[in-house]
Amino acid sequence: MPTEALLDLSSGYVLRVLDQLPRRGTQGPWAVSMNYYDDVERLCRSPIVDLQLRPSRSAVPARV
């Protein structure tokens, strides 16, 4: 599936780190509408099925 930038902003500080920011899909449950109510409705009422998903531990470092 093609992806696009999570944030649709043209600010310089965003454009400089665009390759480091999360991406979103263009369809299905991976598209983010940036409208909280639309996203909650879709995600709470629709199943998220993706055979490529595999549960894993977070890559976030532990706090010291």
Protein backbone atom coordinates (compact mmCIF):
# COMPACT_ATOMS: atom_id res chain seq x y z
CA MET A 1 0.00 0.00 0.00
CA PRO A 2 1.33 3.47 -0.71
CA THR A 3 2.00 5.66 2.31
CA GLU A 4 2.02 9.37 2.93
CA ALA A 5 3.26 11.72 5.60
CA LEU A 6 1.33 11.56 8.86
CA LEU A 7 1.32 15.35 9.13
CA ASP A 8 0.17 17.45 6.20
CA LEU A 9 2.23 20.50 7.18
CA SER A 10 4.67 22.57 5.17
CA SER A 11 6.57 24.15 8.07
CA GLY A 12 10.35 24.04 7.70
CA TYR A 13 10.91 22.16 10.96
CA VAL A 14 8.45 19.46 9.81
CA LEU A 15 9.89 19.18 6.30
CA ARG A 16 13.42 18.76 7.66
CA VAL A 17 12.48 15.63 9.64
CA LEU A 18 9.75 14.26 7.37
CA ASP A 19 11.75 11.09 6.71
CA GLN A 20 11.91 10.40 10.48
CA LEU A 21 8.21 10.88 11.24
CA PRO A 22 5.63 8.07 11.25
CA ARG A 23 3.72 7.47 8.02
CA ARG A 24 0.09 6.63 7.38
CA GLY A 25 -1.59 4.43 4.82
CA THR A 26 -3.84 5.71 2.09
CA GLN A 27 -6.74 3.32 2.70
CA GLY A 28 -8.43 1.10 5.23
CA PRO A 29 -7.63 1.28 8.91
CA TRP A 30 -4.19 2.74 8.16
CA ALA A 31 -5.52 6.02 6.79
CA VAL A 32 -5.82 8.78 9.39
CA SER A 33 -8.45 11.40 8.68
CA MET A 34 -7.17 13.89 11.29
CA ASN A 35 -10.77 14.04 12.53
CA TYR A 36 -11.03 12.45 15.97
CA TYR A 37 -14.71 11.56 15.69
CA ASP A 38 -14.36 9.95 12.25
CA ASP A 39 -11.34 7.94 13.39
CA VAL A 40 -13.03 6.72 16.61
CA GLU A 41 -16.14 5.69 14.70
CA ARG A 42 -14.16 3.79 12.09
CA LEU A 43 -11.67 2.14 14.46
CA CYS A 44 -14.23 1.12 17.07
CA ARG A 45 -16.72 -0.31 14.61
CA SER A 46 -14.45 -1.87 11.98
CA PRO A 47 -12.15 -4.84 12.41
CA ILE A 48 -8.46 -4.26 11.81
CA VAL A 49 -7.25 -7.24 9.82
CA ASP A 50 -3.77 -7.28 8.36
CA LEU A 51 -1.96 -10.59 7.91
CA GLN A 52 1.38 -8.74 7.91
CA LEU A 53 0.97 -7.51 11.48
CA ARG A 54 3.05 -9.25 14.09
CA PRO A 55 2.97 -8.31 17.77
CA SER A 56 6.34 -7.21 19.13
CA ARG A 57 7.86 -5.34 22.02
CA SER A 58 8.04 -1.59 21.77
CA ALA A 59 11.28 -0.04 20.54
CA VAL A 60 10.93 2.73 23.10
CA PRO A 61 13.91 2.67 25.51
CA ALA A 62 13.17 2.02 29.17
CA ARG A 63 13.17 5.01 31.49
CA VAL A 64 16.08 5.33 33.84
